[in-house]
C-alpha atoms as a PDB file:
ATOM      1  CA  MET A   1       1.886  24.842  -0.568  1.00  0.00           C
ATOM      2  CA  THR A   2       1.646  21.091   1.196  1.00  0.00           C
ATOM      3  CA  GLU A   3       3.000  18.307  -1.581  1.00  0.00           C
ATOM      4  CA  LEU A   4      -0.017  16.228  -1.779  1.00  0.00           C
ATOM      5  CA  LEU A   5       0.512  11.817  -2.248  1.00  0.00           C
ATOM      6  CA  ARG A   6      -1.914   9.315  -3.162  1.00  0.00           C
ATOM      7  CA  ALA A   7      -1.469   5.885  -2.627  1.00  0.00           C
ATOM      8  CA  LYS A   8      -3.323   2.351  -2.360  1.00  0.00           C
ATOM      9  CA  HIS A   9      -2.352  -0.209  -0.063  1.00  0.00           C
ATOM     10  CA  ILE A  10      -2.786  -3.745   1.301  1.00  0.00           C
ATOM     11  CA  LEU A  11      -2.725  -4.313   5.060  1.00  0.00           C
ATOM     12  CA  VAL A  12      -2.294  -7.966   6.255  1.00  0.00           C
ATOM     13  CA  SER A  13      -1.050  -8.796   9.778  1.00  0.00           C
ATOM     14  CA  HIS A  14       1.792 -11.251   9.133  1.00  0.00           C
ATOM     15  CA  GLU A  15       4.838 -10.899   7.123  1.00  0.00           C
ATOM     16  CA  TYR A  16       3.700 -13.811   4.740  1.00  0.00           C
ATOM     17  CA  GLU A  17       0.518 -13.084   4.059  1.00  0.00           C
ATOM     18  CA  ALA A  18       2.327  -9.579   2.359  1.00  0.00           C
ATOM     19  CA  LYS A  19       4.924 -11.753   0.795  1.00  0.00           C
ATOM     20  CA  ASP A  20       2.185 -14.090  -0.751  1.00  0.00           C
ATOM     21  CA  LEU A  21       0.346 -11.319  -2.091  1.00  0.00           C
ATOM     22  CA  ARG A  22       3.733  -9.796  -3.285  1.00  0.00           C
ATOM     23  CA  ALA A  23       4.041 -12.723  -5.317  1.00  0.00           C
ATOM     24  CA  LYS A  24       1.019 -12.835  -6.751  1.00  0.00           C
ATOM     25  CA  LEU A  25       0.942  -9.442  -8.128  1.00  0.00           C
ATOM     26  CA  GLY A  26       4.881 -10.006  -9.865  1.00  0.00           C
ATOM     27  CA  ARG A  27       2.300 -12.869 -11.572  1.00  0.00           C
ATOM     28  CA  GLY A  28       0.294 -10.241 -13.002  1.00  0.00           C
ATOM     29  CA  GLU A  29      -2.711 -10.352 -10.480  1.00  0.00           C
ATOM     30  CA  SER A  30      -4.404  -7.087  -9.928  1.00  0.00           C
ATOM     31  CA  PHE A  31      -3.743  -4.735  -6.855  1.00  0.00           C
ATOM     32  CA  GLU A  32      -7.069  -3.815  -6.898  1.00  0.00           C
ATOM     33  CA  SER A  33      -8.772  -7.222  -6.655  1.00  0.00           C
ATOM     34  CA  LEU A  34      -6.576  -8.587  -4.269  1.00  0.00           C
ATOM     35  CA  ALA A  35      -6.390  -4.995  -1.878  1.00  0.00           C
ATOM     36  CA  ARG A  36     -10.267  -5.901  -1.761  1.00  0.00           C
ATOM     37  CA  ASP A  37      -9.945  -9.689  -1.639  1.00  0.00           C
ATOM     38  CA  PHE A  38      -7.226  -9.461   1.261  1.00  0.00           C
ATOM     39  CA  SER A  39      -6.741  -6.081   2.876  1.00  0.00           C
ATOM     40  CA  LEU A  40      -7.947  -5.103   6.403  1.00  0.00           C
ATOM     41  CA  CYS A  41      -8.182  -1.495   5.660  1.00  0.00           C
ATOM     42  CA  PRO A  42     -11.607  -0.340   5.287  1.00  0.00           C
ATOM     43  CA  SER A  43      -9.780   1.167   1.946  1.00  0.00           C
ATOM     44  CA  SER A  44     -10.016  -2.337   0.944  1.00  0.00           C
ATOM     45  CA  LYS A  45     -13.478  -1.891  -0.813  1.00  0.00           C
ATOM     46  CA  HIS A  46     -12.015   0.886  -2.979  1.00  0.00           C
ATOM     47  CA  GLY A  47      -9.446  -1.316  -4.318  1.00  0.00           C
ATOM     48  CA  GLY A  48      -6.761  -0.033  -1.728  1.00  0.00           C
ATOM     49  CA  ASP A  49      -7.599   3.663  -2.125  1.00  0.00           C
ATOM     50  CA  LEU A  50      -6.495   5.766   0.355  1.00  0.00           C
ATOM     51  CA  GLY A  51      -7.225   8.794  -1.567  1.00  0.00           C
ATOM     52  CA  GLU A  52      -4.785  11.510  -1.813  1.00  0.00           C
ATOM     53  CA  PHE A  53      -3.186  13.167   1.706  1.00  0.00           C
ATOM     54  CA  PRO A  54      -0.663  16.160   2.815  1.00  0.00           C
ATOM     55  CA  LYS A  55       3.150  14.887   3.375  1.00  0.00           C
ATOM     56  CA  GLY A  56       3.590  13.688   7.162  1.00  0.00           C
ATOM     57  CA  ARG A  57      -0.019  12.900   7.078  1.00  0.00           C
ATOM     58  CA  MET A  58       0.984   8.789   7.087  1.00  0.00           C
ATOM     59  CA  VAL A  59       3.096   7.014   9.940  1.00  0.00           C
ATOM     60  CA  PRO A  60       7.353   7.156   9.101  1.00  0.00           C
ATOM     61  CA  ALA A  61       7.742   3.477   7.958  1.00  0.00           C
ATOM     62  CA  PHE A  62       4.799   3.841   5.455  1.00  0.00           C
ATOM     63  CA  GLU A  63       5.671   7.585   3.978  1.00  0.00           C
ATOM     64  CA  LYS A  64       9.396   7.270   4.151  1.00  0.00           C
ATOM     65  CA  ALA A  65       8.317   3.406   1.621  1.00  0.00           C
ATOM     66  CA  LEU A  66       5.959   5.743  -0.282  1.00  0.00           C
ATOM     67  CA  LEU A  67       8.115   8.382  -1.204  1.00  0.00           C
ATOM     68  CA  ALA A  68      11.090   5.809  -2.567  1.00  0.00           C
ATOM     69  CA  LEU A  69       8.279   4.656  -5.030  1.00  0.00           C
ATOM     70  CA  GLU A  70       7.890   6.002  -8.838  1.00  0.00           C
ATOM     71  CA  LYS A  71       4.096   6.659  -9.115  1.00  0.00           C
ATOM     72  CA  ASP A  72       2.425   3.583 -10.150  1.00  0.00           C
ATOM     73  CA  GLN A  73       5.403   1.202  -8.598  1.00  0.00           C
ATOM     74  CA  VAL A  74       4.987  -1.033  -5.883  1.00  0.00           C
ATOM     75  CA  SER A  75       7.086  -1.479  -2.644  1.00  0.00           C
ATOM     76  CA  GLY A  76       8.183  -4.621  -1.221  1.00  0.00           C
ATOM     77  CA  VAL A  77       6.865  -5.242   2.857  1.00  0.00           C
ATOM     78  CA  VAL A  78       6.904  -2.628   4.562  1.00  0.00           C
ATOM     79  CA  ARG A  79       6.269  -3.152   8.530  1.00  0.00           C
ATOM     80  CA  THR A  80       4.351  -0.394  11.001  1.00  0.00           C
ATOM     81  CA  GLN A  81       1.929  -0.758  14.020  1.00  0.00           C
ATOM     82  CA  PHE A  82      -0.928  -1.619  12.046  1.00  0.00           C
ATOM     83  CA  GLY A  83       0.712  -4.518  10.568  1.00  0.00           C
ATOM     84  CA  TYR A  84       2.396  -5.288   6.811  1.00  0.00           C
ATOM     85  CA  HIS A  85       1.635  -3.431   3.760  1.00  0.00           C
ATOM     86  CA  LEU A  86       2.295  -3.350   0.220  1.00  0.00           C
ATOM     87  CA  ILE A  87       1.725  -0.083  -1.340  1.00  0.00           C
ATOM     88  CA  LYS A  88       1.530   1.398  -4.584  1.00  0.00           C
ATOM     89  CA  ARG A  89       2.181   4.974  -5.438  1.00  0.00           C
ATOM     90  CA  LEU A  90      -0.311   7.101  -7.448  1.00  0.00           C
ATOM     91  CA  LEU A  91       0.931  10.293  -7.137  1.00  0.00           C
END
């Protein structure tokens, strides 16, 4: 059976935006609110929730960062061909 993953993310165009949002998270702001307000991904309307997906579906840099996280942990800035992400692991 394929391992399922679940994550939320915030996608922005510039590294400095991602770093600023990471700092806001560190000050206690809500991941979901920041995703709704700033993420460029259509998942923003769901607080950045990407739902469940099988291992191997996401681009390698995203998946590698996700798999390094513990449940409910948020990544540092992750760069992919889509932009800069902050990733929160749910499963």
